[in-house]
Amino acid sequence: MKHIFEKGSSDITLLLLHGTGGTEHDLIQLGKMVAPEASILSVRGNVLENGMPRFFRRLEEGVFDEEDLIFRTKELYEFLDEASQKYGFDRTKIVAIGYSNGANIAASLLFHYEDALSGAVLHHPMVPRRGISLPNLKEVHVLITAGELDPMCPAQESLDLETLLAEVQADVEVFWTPGGHQLVQGEVERAKDWFHEKF
């Protein structure tokens, strides 16, 4: 997978996952604001939708191609194994920061693998899959940030995601903003504070 790796001074690696149409460059400044000492592994999605990179296909807006989601989640999981060996970072100390489509693939990692991530900041995510058994996420910290007026991710999606993660013992918090789907400064500040509280 096309990516950027920057070695940091702490034992945490941030996995940065862009939104639809983004690239591996998009969230690097965000990552450095949240956790300046962490290593950075920023990845570009392997799927193109009308020329725009994404992490998995969708059938229409808000409707995921579940088969492709499962395949791409496994692909990303295996890439993290390979990257940790290549760059020598601790595979057990990866914290994802994802926005929109990137938040959805990060959530999918949590839904499918109990050891994929030690934490995740999910900016404007949706529930990746429904009606499946989730792994135990007892040691995993999750921050969901959501806009009360988000037209792409209805508030109920964030509430459902919080419930599903809490049911498998994840330490999960939702931070609300009054806005829509855009990422706002308040979310970044909460993510920074949350990161320092948990890691």
N, C-alpha and C. Protein backbone atom coordinates (compact mmCIF):
# COMPACT_ATOMS: atom_id res chain seq x y z
N MET A 1 0.85 -1.18 0.00
CA MET A 1 0.00 0.00 0.00
C MET A 1 0.90 1.24 0.00
N LYS A 2 0.50 2.23 -0.78
CA LYS A 2 1.26 3.48 -0.86
C LYS A 2 1.18 4.17 0.51
N HIS A 3 2.33 4.61 1.03
CA HIS A 3 2.33 5.13 2.39
C HIS A 3 3.55 6.01 2.65
N ILE A 4 3.50 6.69 3.79
CA ILE A 4 4.62 7.47 4.31
C ILE A 4 4.88 6.98 5.72
N PHE A 5 6.15 6.75 6.06
CA PHE A 5 6.52 6.44 7.44
C PHE A 5 7.52 7.45 7.95
N GLU A 6 7.25 7.98 9.13
CA GLU A 6 8.18 8.89 9.80
C GLU A 6 8.40 8.38 11.21
N LYS A 7 9.66 8.13 11.55
CA LYS A 7 10.00 7.60 12.87
C LYS A 7 9.88 8.70 13.92
N GLY A 8 9.24 8.37 15.04
CA GLY A 8 9.11 9.30 16.15
C GLY A 8 9.95 8.85 17.33
N SER A 9 9.82 9.57 18.44
CA SER A 9 10.64 9.26 19.62
C SER A 9 9.88 8.44 20.66
N SER A 10 8.57 8.27 20.49
CA SER A 10 7.81 7.45 21.45
C SER A 10 7.59 6.06 20.88
N ASP A 11 7.01 5.17 21.70
CA ASP A 11 6.79 3.79 21.24
C ASP A 11 5.44 3.61 20.56
N ILE A 12 4.69 4.71 20.40
CA ILE A 12 3.38 4.66 19.72
C ILE A 12 3.56 5.01 18.24
N THR A 13 2.83 4.28 17.39
CA THR A 13 2.77 4.63 15.97
C THR A 13 1.34 5.03 15.63
N LEU A 14 1.19 6.19 15.02
CA LEU A 14 -0.11 6.63 14.54
C LEU A 14 -0.34 6.11 13.13
N LEU A 15 -1.44 5.42 12.94
CA LEU A 15 -1.88 4.98 11.62
C LEU A 15 -2.87 6.02 11.11
N LEU A 16 -2.50 6.76 10.08
CA LEU A 16 -3.33 7.86 9.58
C LEU A 16 -4.07 7.41 8.32
N LEU A 17 -5.39 7.61 8.33
CA LEU A 17 -6.27 7.09 7.28
C LEU A 17 -7.19 8.21 6.78
N HIS A 18 -6.97 8.63 5.56
CA HIS A 18 -7.64 9.80 4.97
C HIS A 18 -9.10 9.53 4.61
N GLY A 19 -9.83 10.59 4.31
CA GLY A 19 -11.19 10.49 3.81
C GLY A 19 -11.21 10.30 2.30
N THR A 20 -12.41 10.10 1.74
CA THR A 20 -12.56 9.90 0.29
C THR A 20 -11.92 11.04 -0.49
N GLY A 21 -11.10 10.67 -1.47
CA GLY A 21 -10.44 11.68 -2.30
C GLY A 21 -9.15 12.21 -1.71
N GLY A 22 -8.78 11.72 -0.54
CA GLY A 22 -7.56 12.18 0.12
C GLY A 22 -6.34 11.37 -0.30
N THR A 23 -5.22 11.69 0.32
CA THR A 23 -3.98 10.95 0.07
C THR A 23 -3.27 10.72 1.40
N GLU A 24 -2.14 10.05 1.31
CA GLU A 24 -1.35 9.76 2.51
C GLU A 24 -0.73 11.03 3.11
N HIS A 25 -0.81 12.15 2.41
CA HIS A 25 -0.27 13.41 2.94
C HIS A 25 -1.27 14.17 3.81
N ASP A 26 -2.56 13.86 3.68
CA ASP A 26 -3.62 14.71 4.25
C ASP A 26 -3.58 14.90 5.75
N LEU A 27 -3.33 13.82 6.49
CA LEU A 27 -3.52 13.86 7.94
C LEU A 27 -2.21 13.95 8.73
N ILE A 28 -1.10 14.14 8.03
CA ILE A 28 0.19 14.16 8.74
C ILE A 28 0.25 15.30 9.75
N GLN A 29 -0.18 16.49 9.36
CA GLN A 29 -0.15 17.62 10.30
C GLN A 29 -1.09 17.37 11.47
N LEU A 30 -2.24 16.78 11.19
CA LEU A 30 -3.19 16.42 12.24
C LEU A 30 -2.54 15.46 13.23
N GLY A 31 -1.88 14.44 12.71
CA GLY A 31 -1.20 13.47 13.56
C GLY A 31 -0.16 14.12 14.44
N LYS A 32 0.60 15.05 13.87
CA LYS A 32 1.66 15.73 14.64
C LYS A 32 1.07 16.66 15.71
N MET A 33 -0.12 17.17 15.46
CA MET A 33 -0.79 18.01 16.46
C MET A 33 -1.29 17.15 17.62
N VAL A 34 -1.81 15.98 17.29
CA VAL A 34 -2.37 15.10 18.32
C VAL A 34 -1.26 14.46 19.17
N ALA A 35 -0.22 13.96 18.51
CA ALA A 35 0.84 13.22 19.21
C ALA A 35 2.19 13.51 18.55
N PRO A 36 2.82 14.64 18.91
CA PRO A 36 4.05 15.06 18.23
C PRO A 36 5.20 14.07 18.31
N GLU A 37 5.24 13.25 19.38
CA GLU A 37 6.37 12.32 19.55
C GLU A 37 6.17 10.99 18.83
N ALA A 38 4.95 10.70 18.44
CA ALA A 38 4.66 9.38 17.87
C ALA A 38 5.27 9.21 16.48
N SER A 39 5.55 7.95 16.14
CA SER A 39 5.87 7.64 14.74
C SER A 39 4.59 7.78 13.93
N ILE A 40 4.76 7.99 12.63
CA ILE A 40 3.60 8.16 11.74
C ILE A 40 3.67 7.16 10.59
N LEU A 41 2.58 6.44 10.40
CA LEU A 41 2.40 5.57 9.23
C LEU A 41 1.12 6.03 8.56
N SER A 42 1.26 6.76 7.47
CA SER A 42 0.09 7.33 6.79
C SER A 42 -0.10 6.59 5.46
N VAL A 43 -1.30 6.07 5.27
CA VAL A 43 -1.56 5.12 4.18
C VAL A 43 -2.58 5.69 3.20
N ARG A 44 -2.37 5.40 1.92
CA ARG A 44 -3.35 5.78 0.89
C ARG A 44 -4.25 4.58 0.59
N GLY A 45 -5.55 4.83 0.48
CA GLY A 45 -6.49 3.77 0.14
C GLY A 45 -6.19 3.18 -1.23
N ASN A 46 -6.45 1.87 -1.38
CA ASN A 46 -6.12 1.14 -2.60
C ASN A 46 -7.25 1.10 -3.63
N VAL A 47 -8.38 1.73 -3.31
CA VAL A 47 -9.54 1.70 -4.20
C VAL A 47 -9.75 3.09 -4.79
N LEU A 48 -10.14 3.15 -6.06
CA LEU A 48 -10.46 4.44 -6.68
C LEU A 48 -11.95 4.50 -6.99
N GLU A 49 -12.57 5.62 -6.63
CA GLU A 49 -13.97 5.87 -6.97
C GLU A 49 -14.00 7.18 -7.75
N ASN A 50 -14.26 7.10 -9.05
CA ASN A 50 -14.21 8.29 -9.92
C ASN A 50 -12.88 9.03 -9.75
N GLY A 51 -11.80 8.24 -9.68
CA GLY A 51 -10.47 8.82 -9.57
C GLY A 51 -10.07 9.23 -8.16
N MET A 52 -10.96 9.06 -7.18
CA MET A 52 -10.67 9.48 -5.81
C MET A 52 -10.30 8.27 -4.95
N PRO A 53 -9.13 8.32 -4.29
CA PRO A 53 -8.74 7.20 -3.43
C PRO A 53 -9.71 6.99 -2.26
N ARG A 54 -9.99 5.72 -1.99
CA ARG A 54 -10.79 5.29 -0.84
C ARG A 54 -10.17 4.00 -0.30
N PHE A 55 -10.62 3.60 0.89
CA PHE A 55 -10.10 2.38 1.48
C PHE A 55 -10.92 1.14 1.14
N PHE A 56 -12.15 1.32 0.69
CA PHE A 56 -12.97 0.20 0.22
C PHE A 56 -14.09 0.75 -0.64
N ARG A 57 -14.70 -0.12 -1.43
CA ARG A 57 -15.76 0.30 -2.34
C ARG A 57 -17.07 0.49 -1.60
N ARG A 58 -17.93 1.28 -2.18
CA ARG A 58 -19.31 1.40 -1.68
C ARG A 58 -20.25 1.25 -2.86
N LEU A 59 -21.46 0.80 -2.57
CA LEU A 59 -22.46 0.59 -3.62
C LEU A 59 -23.15 1.91 -3.96
N GLU A 60 -23.32 2.74 -2.94
CA GLU A 60 -23.82 4.11 -3.10
C GLU A 60 -23.45 4.84 -1.81
N GLU A 61 -23.73 6.13 -1.73
CA GLU A 61 -23.37 6.87 -0.53
C GLU A 61 -24.06 6.26 0.69
N GLY A 62 -23.25 5.92 1.69
CA GLY A 62 -23.78 5.34 2.92
C GLY A 62 -24.04 3.84 2.86
N VAL A 63 -23.80 3.21 1.70
CA VAL A 63 -24.00 1.76 1.56
C VAL A 63 -22.69 1.11 1.15
N PHE A 64 -22.09 0.35 2.07
CA PHE A 64 -20.77 -0.22 1.83
C PHE A 64 -20.87 -1.52 1.04
N ASP A 65 -19.85 -1.76 0.21
CA ASP A 65 -19.67 -3.06 -0.44
C ASP A 65 -19.02 -3.97 0.60
N GLU A 66 -19.84 -4.77 1.28
CA GLU A 66 -19.37 -5.51 2.45
C GLU A 66 -18.26 -6.50 2.10
N GLU A 67 -18.39 -7.16 0.96
CA GLU A 67 -17.36 -8.13 0.55
C GLU A 67 -16.02 -7.42 0.36
N ASP A 68 -16.04 -6.26 -0.28
CA ASP A 68 -14.80 -5.52 -0.49
C ASP A 68 -14.27 -4.97 0.83
N LEU A 69 -15.17 -4.53 1.71
CA LEU A 69 -14.77 -4.02 3.03
C LEU A 69 -13.99 -5.10 3.79
N ILE A 70 -14.49 -6.32 3.80
CA ILE A 70 -13.82 -7.42 4.51
C ILE A 70 -12.44 -7.68 3.90
N PHE A 71 -12.38 -7.71 2.57
CA PHE A 71 -11.12 -7.96 1.88
C PHE A 71 -10.10 -6.84 2.17
N ARG A 72 -10.54 -5.59 2.07
CA ARG A 72 -9.63 -4.45 2.26
C ARG A 72 -9.20 -4.31 3.72
N THR A 73 -10.07 -4.70 4.65
CA THR A 73 -9.70 -4.68 6.07
C THR A 73 -8.58 -5.68 6.33
N LYS A 74 -8.71 -6.87 5.76
CA LYS A 74 -7.66 -7.89 5.90
C LYS A 74 -6.37 -7.42 5.25
N GLU A 75 -6.49 -6.80 4.09
CA GLU A 75 -5.32 -6.27 3.38
C GLU A 75 -4.58 -5.24 4.25
N LEU A 76 -5.32 -4.34 4.88
CA LEU A 76 -4.71 -3.32 5.74
C LEU A 76 -4.09 -3.96 6.99
N TYR A 77 -4.78 -4.91 7.57
CA TYR A 77 -4.28 -5.62 8.75
C TYR A 77 -2.94 -6.29 8.44
N GLU A 78 -2.86 -6.96 7.31
CA GLU A 78 -1.63 -7.64 6.91
C GLU A 78 -0.53 -6.64 6.58
N PHE A 79 -0.91 -5.50 6.00
CA PHE A 79 0.07 -4.44 5.72
C PHE A 79 0.69 -3.93 7.03
N LEU A 80 -0.12 -3.80 8.08
CA LEU A 80 0.42 -3.34 9.37
C LEU A 80 1.44 -4.33 9.91
N ASP A 81 1.19 -5.62 9.76
CA ASP A 81 2.17 -6.64 10.17
C ASP A 81 3.48 -6.45 9.41
N GLU A 82 3.37 -6.28 8.09
CA GLU A 82 4.55 -6.13 7.24
C GLU A 82 5.31 -4.84 7.56
N ALA A 83 4.56 -3.74 7.73
CA ALA A 83 5.20 -2.44 7.98
C ALA A 83 5.91 -2.43 9.33
N SER A 84 5.34 -3.10 10.33
CA SER A 84 5.99 -3.12 11.64
C SER A 84 7.33 -3.86 11.58
N GLN A 85 7.40 -4.88 10.75
CA GLN A 85 8.68 -5.60 10.58
C GLN A 85 9.66 -4.76 9.76
N LYS A 86 9.17 -4.13 8.71
CA LYS A 86 10.04 -3.33 7.84
C LYS A 86 10.64 -2.14 8.57
N TYR A 87 9.81 -1.44 9.37
CA TYR A 87 10.25 -0.20 10.00
C TYR A 87 10.62 -0.37 11.47
N GLY A 88 10.38 -1.56 12.03
CA GLY A 88 10.82 -1.84 13.39
C GLY A 88 10.02 -1.15 14.48
N PHE A 89 8.72 -0.89 14.23
CA PHE A 89 7.90 -0.31 15.30
C PHE A 89 7.10 -1.41 15.99
N ASP A 90 6.60 -1.08 17.19
CA ASP A 90 5.88 -2.04 18.02
C ASP A 90 4.48 -2.26 17.45
N ARG A 91 4.22 -3.48 16.97
CA ARG A 91 2.94 -3.80 16.33
C ARG A 91 1.77 -3.70 17.32
N THR A 92 2.06 -3.82 18.61
CA THR A 92 1.00 -3.80 19.62
C THR A 92 0.65 -2.39 20.08
N LYS A 93 1.33 -1.39 19.52
CA LYS A 93 1.10 -0.01 19.98
C LYS A 93 0.77 0.92 18.81
N ILE A 94 -0.23 0.52 18.03
CA ILE A 94 -0.70 1.32 16.90
C ILE A 94 -2.02 1.99 17.28
N VAL A 95 -2.07 3.30 17.11
CA VAL A 95 -3.29 4.06 17.34
C VAL A 95 -3.71 4.68 16.01
N ALA A 96 -4.89 4.33 15.53
CA ALA A 96 -5.36 4.87 14.25
C ALA A 96 -6.02 6.23 14.46
N ILE A 97 -5.81 7.11 13.49
CA ILE A 97 -6.60 8.34 13.39
C ILE A 97 -7.18 8.35 11.97
N GLY A 98 -8.49 8.24 11.89
CA GLY A 98 -9.13 8.18 10.58
C GLY A 98 -10.24 9.21 10.47
N TYR A 99 -10.40 9.69 9.26
CA TYR A 99 -11.49 10.65 8.98
C TYR A 99 -12.42 10.07 7.92
N SER A 100 -13.71 10.03 8.22
CA SER A 100 -14.74 9.63 7.26
C SER A 100 -14.45 8.21 6.74
N ASN A 101 -14.13 8.04 5.47
CA ASN A 101 -13.85 6.70 4.95
C ASN A 101 -12.68 6.05 5.68
N GLY A 102 -11.69 6.84 6.06
CA GLY A 102 -10.56 6.32 6.84
C GLY A 102 -10.99 5.88 8.23
N ALA A 103 -11.92 6.62 8.85
CA ALA A 103 -12.46 6.21 10.15
C ALA A 103 -13.24 4.90 10.02
N ASN A 104 -13.91 4.72 8.90
CA ASN A 104 -14.70 3.50 8.69
C ASN A 104 -13.81 2.27 8.55
N ILE A 105 -12.68 2.39 7.85
CA ILE A 105 -11.79 1.23 7.73
C ILE A 105 -11.10 0.97 9.07
N ALA A 106 -10.83 2.02 9.85
CA ALA A 106 -10.25 1.82 11.19
C ALA A 106 -11.26 1.10 12.08
N ALA A 107 -12.52 1.52 12.03
CA ALA A 107 -13.57 0.84 12.79
C ALA A 107 -13.70 -0.62 12.35
N SER A 108 -13.55 -0.86 11.06
CA SER A 108 -13.63 -2.22 10.54
C SER A 108 -12.48 -3.09 11.07
N LEU A 109 -11.29 -2.51 11.22
CA LEU A 109 -10.19 -3.25 11.85
C LEU A 109 -10.58 -3.69 13.26
N LEU A 110 -11.21 -2.79 14.02
CA LEU A 110 -11.65 -3.13 15.37
C LEU A 110 -12.73 -4.21 15.35
N PHE A 111 -13.61 -4.15 14.38
CA PHE A 111 -14.73 -5.11 14.29
C PHE A 111 -14.25 -6.52 13.93
N HIS A 112 -13.10 -6.61 13.26
CA HIS A 112 -12.66 -7.91 12.74
C HIS A 112 -11.47 -8.53 13.46
N TYR A 113 -10.66 -7.70 14.16
CA TYR A 113 -9.42 -8.21 14.76
C TYR A 113 -9.23 -7.61 16.16
N GLU A 114 -9.06 -8.47 17.16
CA GLU A 114 -8.92 -7.93 18.51
C GLU A 114 -7.54 -7.31 18.74
N ASP A 115 -6.57 -7.67 17.92
CA ASP A 115 -5.20 -7.17 18.14
C ASP A 115 -4.74 -6.20 17.05
N ALA A 116 -5.68 -5.65 16.30
CA ALA A 116 -5.29 -4.75 15.19
C ALA A 116 -4.74 -3.42 15.70
N LEU A 117 -5.43 -2.84 16.70
CA LEU A 117 -5.11 -1.50 17.17
C LEU A 117 -5.17 -1.46 18.69
N SER A 118 -4.35 -0.60 19.29
CA SER A 118 -4.49 -0.38 20.73
C SER A 118 -5.39 0.82 21.02
N GLY A 119 -5.66 1.60 20.00
CA GLY A 119 -6.57 2.73 20.15
C GLY A 119 -6.95 3.28 18.79
N ALA A 120 -8.00 4.12 18.78
CA ALA A 120 -8.44 4.72 17.52
C ALA A 120 -9.19 6.02 17.79
N VAL A 121 -8.87 7.02 16.98
CA VAL A 121 -9.65 8.26 16.92
C VAL A 121 -10.43 8.19 15.61
N LEU A 122 -11.74 8.10 15.74
CA LEU A 122 -12.61 7.94 14.57
C LEU A 122 -13.37 9.25 14.36
N HIS A 123 -12.93 10.03 13.38
CA HIS A 123 -13.59 11.30 13.06
C HIS A 123 -14.70 11.05 12.04
N HIS A 124 -15.95 11.20 12.45
CA HIS A 124 -17.12 11.08 11.58
C HIS A 124 -17.24 9.69 10.93
N PRO A 125 -17.25 8.65 11.78
CA PRO A 125 -17.38 7.29 11.25
C PRO A 125 -18.83 6.83 11.13
N MET A 126 -19.00 5.70 10.46
CA MET A 126 -20.26 4.97 10.45
C MET A 126 -20.00 3.57 10.99
N VAL A 127 -21.07 2.84 11.29
CA VAL A 127 -20.92 1.44 11.69
C VAL A 127 -20.49 0.66 10.45
N PRO A 128 -19.31 0.00 10.47
CA PRO A 128 -18.84 -0.67 9.25
C PRO A 128 -19.68 -1.87 8.84
N ARG A 129 -20.08 -2.70 9.85
CA ARG A 129 -20.92 -3.87 9.56
C ARG A 129 -21.87 -4.07 10.73
N ARG A 130 -23.03 -4.60 10.44
CA ARG A 130 -24.02 -4.90 11.48
C ARG A 130 -24.31 -6.39 11.49
N GLY A 131 -24.74 -6.87 12.65
CA GLY A 131 -25.15 -8.27 12.76
C GLY A 131 -24.02 -9.26 12.82
N ILE A 132 -22.82 -8.82 13.23
CA ILE A 132 -21.70 -9.76 13.37
C ILE A 132 -21.22 -9.73 14.82
N SER A 133 -20.53 -10.79 15.22
CA SER A 133 -19.92 -10.84 16.55
C SER A 133 -18.58 -10.12 16.50
N LEU A 134 -18.38 -9.21 17.45
CA LEU A 134 -17.14 -8.45 17.51
C LEU A 134 -16.16 -9.13 18.46
N PRO A 135 -14.85 -8.96 18.21
CA PRO A 135 -13.86 -9.49 19.15
C PRO A 135 -13.89 -8.71 20.46
N ASN A 136 -13.31 -9.27 21.51
CA ASN A 136 -13.20 -8.56 22.78
C ASN A 136 -12.17 -7.44 22.64
N LEU A 137 -12.57 -6.23 22.98
CA LEU A 137 -11.71 -5.05 22.82
C LEU A 137 -11.42 -4.41 24.17
N LYS A 138 -11.24 -5.25 25.18
CA LYS A 138 -11.12 -4.78 26.56
C LYS A 138 -9.99 -3.77 26.75
N GLU A 139 -8.88 -3.94 26.06
CA GLU A 139 -7.73 -3.06 26.27
C GLU A 139 -7.68 -1.90 25.28
N VAL A 140 -8.72 -1.74 24.47
CA VAL A 140 -8.68 -0.77 23.36
C VAL A 140 -9.43 0.51 23.73
N HIS A 141 -8.79 1.65 23.46
CA HIS A 141 -9.38 2.96 23.72
C HIS A 141 -9.87 3.56 22.40
N VAL A 142 -11.11 4.08 22.39
CA VAL A 142 -11.67 4.63 21.15
C VAL A 142 -12.31 5.99 21.44
N LEU A 143 -11.95 6.96 20.63
CA LEU A 143 -12.62 8.27 20.64
C LEU A 143 -13.36 8.43 19.32
N ILE A 144 -14.67 8.65 19.39
CA ILE A 144 -15.49 8.95 18.22
C ILE A 144 -15.79 10.45 18.25
N THR A 145 -15.53 11.16 17.17
CA THR A 145 -15.97 12.55 17.09
C THR A 145 -17.01 12.67 15.98
N ALA A 146 -18.05 13.44 16.26
CA ALA A 146 -19.20 13.47 15.35
C ALA A 146 -19.85 14.84 15.33
N GLY A 147 -20.43 15.18 14.19
CA GLY A 147 -21.16 16.43 14.06
C GLY A 147 -22.65 16.19 14.24
N GLU A 148 -23.29 16.99 15.06
CA GLU A 148 -24.73 16.82 15.31
C GLU A 148 -25.56 16.99 14.05
N LEU A 149 -25.04 17.75 13.08
CA LEU A 149 -25.78 18.02 11.84
C LEU A 149 -25.10 17.38 10.62
N ASP A 150 -24.33 16.33 10.86
CA ASP A 150 -23.58 15.68 9.78
C ASP A 150 -24.56 15.00 8.81
N PRO A 151 -24.62 15.45 7.54
CA PRO A 151 -25.56 14.85 6.59
C PRO A 151 -25.10 13.49 6.08
N MET A 152 -23.81 13.20 6.19
CA MET A 152 -23.27 11.94 5.66
C MET A 152 -23.22 10.84 6.72
N CYS A 153 -23.04 11.24 7.97
CA CYS A 153 -22.99 10.28 9.09
C CYS A 153 -24.03 10.69 10.12
N PRO A 154 -25.25 10.22 10.00
CA PRO A 154 -26.28 10.59 10.97
C PRO A 154 -25.82 10.31 12.40
N ALA A 155 -26.31 11.13 13.33
CA ALA A 155 -25.90 10.99 14.74
C ALA A 155 -26.11 9.57 15.26
N GLN A 156 -27.17 8.92 14.79
CA GLN A 156 -27.46 7.57 15.27
C GLN A 156 -26.34 6.59 14.94
N GLU A 157 -25.62 6.82 13.83
CA GLU A 157 -24.49 5.95 13.48
C GLU A 157 -23.43 5.99 14.57
N SER A 158 -23.12 7.20 15.06
CA SER A 158 -22.11 7.33 16.11
C SER A 158 -22.58 6.68 17.40
N LEU A 159 -23.86 6.87 17.73
CA LEU A 159 -24.42 6.26 18.95
C LEU A 159 -24.42 4.73 18.85
N ASP A 160 -24.78 4.21 17.69
CA ASP A 160 -24.77 2.76 17.49
C ASP A 160 -23.36 2.20 17.58
N LEU A 161 -22.41 2.91 16.98
CA LEU A 161 -21.02 2.47 17.00
C LEU A 161 -20.50 2.46 18.44
N GLU A 162 -20.82 3.51 19.19
CA GLU A 162 -20.42 3.57 20.60
C GLU A 162 -20.98 2.36 21.36
N THR A 163 -22.26 2.05 21.15
CA THR A 163 -22.90 0.93 21.85
C THR A 163 -22.24 -0.40 21.50
N LEU A 164 -22.00 -0.63 20.21
CA LEU A 164 -21.41 -1.89 19.76
C LEU A 164 -20.01 -2.09 20.34
N LEU A 165 -19.23 -1.01 20.37
CA LEU A 165 -17.87 -1.11 20.91
C LEU A 165 -17.88 -1.29 22.42
N ALA A 166 -18.78 -0.58 23.10
CA ALA A 166 -18.88 -0.71 24.55
C ALA A 166 -19.31 -2.12 24.96
N GLU A 167 -20.15 -2.74 24.13
CA GLU A 167 -20.63 -4.09 24.43
C GLU A 167 -19.50 -5.12 24.46
N VAL A 168 -18.41 -4.84 23.73
CA VAL A 168 -17.26 -5.76 23.74
C VAL A 168 -16.11 -5.16 24.56
N GLN A 169 -16.47 -4.29 25.51
CA GLN A 169 -15.60 -3.78 26.56
C GLN A 169 -14.55 -2.78 26.11
N ALA A 170 -14.69 -2.22 24.93
CA ALA A 170 -13.79 -1.12 24.55
C ALA A 170 -14.05 0.08 25.46
N ASP A 171 -13.02 0.85 25.72
CA ASP A 171 -13.14 2.12 26.44
C ASP A 171 -13.47 3.17 25.39
N VAL A 172 -14.75 3.55 25.31
CA VAL A 172 -15.19 4.39 24.18
C VAL A 172 -15.86 5.67 24.67
N GLU A 173 -15.57 6.74 23.95
CA GLU A 173 -16.12 8.07 24.26
C GLU A 173 -16.58 8.71 22.95
N VAL A 174 -17.68 9.47 23.01
CA VAL A 174 -18.12 10.24 21.84
C VAL A 174 -18.02 11.73 22.16
N PHE A 175 -17.40 12.46 21.26
CA PHE A 175 -17.27 13.91 21.38
C PHE A 175 -18.08 14.56 20.26
N TRP A 176 -19.05 15.40 20.64
CA TRP A 176 -19.96 16.00 19.66
C TRP A 176 -19.56 17.44 19.35
N THR A 177 -19.73 17.82 18.09
CA THR A 177 -19.63 19.22 17.69
C THR A 177 -20.98 19.61 17.09
N PRO A 178 -21.28 20.90 17.06
CA PRO A 178 -22.58 21.32 16.52
C PRO A 178 -22.65 21.33 15.00
N GLY A 179 -21.55 21.02 14.32
CA GLY A 179 -21.48 21.18 12.87
C GLY A 179 -21.84 19.95 12.07
N GLY A 180 -21.29 19.91 10.85
CA GLY A 180 -21.60 18.85 9.89
C GLY A 180 -20.48 17.84 9.75
N HIS A 181 -20.12 17.53 8.50
CA HIS A 181 -19.16 16.45 8.24
C HIS A 181 -17.71 16.94 8.27
N GLN A 182 -17.50 18.24 8.24
CA GLN A 182 -16.13 18.73 8.21
C GLN A 182 -15.43 18.51 9.56
N LEU A 183 -14.12 18.35 9.50
CA LEU A 183 -13.31 18.18 10.69
C LEU A 183 -12.99 19.56 11.25
N VAL A 184 -13.33 19.81 12.52
CA VAL A 184 -13.16 21.15 13.09
C VAL A 184 -12.12 21.12 14.21
N GLN A 185 -11.64 22.32 14.56
CA GLN A 185 -10.55 22.46 15.51
C GLN A 185 -10.86 21.81 16.87
N GLY A 186 -12.10 21.93 17.32
CA GLY A 186 -12.47 21.35 18.60
C GLY A 186 -12.24 19.85 18.66
N GLU A 187 -12.46 19.17 17.53
CA GLU A 187 -12.23 17.72 17.46
C GLU A 187 -10.75 17.39 17.60
N VAL A 188 -9.92 18.21 16.95
CA VAL A 188 -8.48 18.00 17.01
C VAL A 188 -7.98 18.21 18.45
N GLU A 189 -8.48 19.24 19.10
CA GLU A 189 -8.08 19.51 20.48
C GLU A 189 -8.52 18.41 21.42
N ARG A 190 -9.75 17.90 21.23
CA ARG A 190 -10.22 16.80 22.07
C ARG A 190 -9.38 15.55 21.81
N ALA A 191 -9.05 15.30 20.55
CA ALA A 191 -8.23 14.13 20.21
C ALA A 191 -6.87 14.21 20.89
N LYS A 192 -6.28 15.40 20.89
CA LYS A 192 -4.97 15.59 21.53
C LYS A 192 -5.06 15.32 23.02
N ASP A 193 -6.07 15.90 23.68
CA ASP A 193 -6.24 15.68 25.13
C ASP A 193 -6.52 14.22 25.42
N TRP A 194 -7.39 13.61 24.63
CA TRP A 194 -7.73 12.19 24.80
C TRP A 194 -6.48 11.31 24.67
N PHE A 195 -5.67 11.59 23.66
CA PHE A 195 -4.47 10.80 23.44
C PHE A 195 -3.56 10.84 24.66
N HIS A 196 -3.39 12.02 25.21
CA HIS A 196 -2.49 12.16 26.37
C HIS A 196 -3.10 11.55 27.63
N GLU A 197 -4.42 11.50 27.70
CA GLU A 197 -5.07 10.83 28.84
C GLU A 197 -4.90 9.31 28.77
N LYS A 198 -4.94 8.76 27.56
CA LYS A 198 -4.97 7.30 27.40
C LYS A 198 -3.60 6.70 27.13
N PHE A 199 -2.70 7.46 26.54
CA PHE A 199 -1.40 6.89 26.13
C PHE A 199 -0.22 7.68 26.69
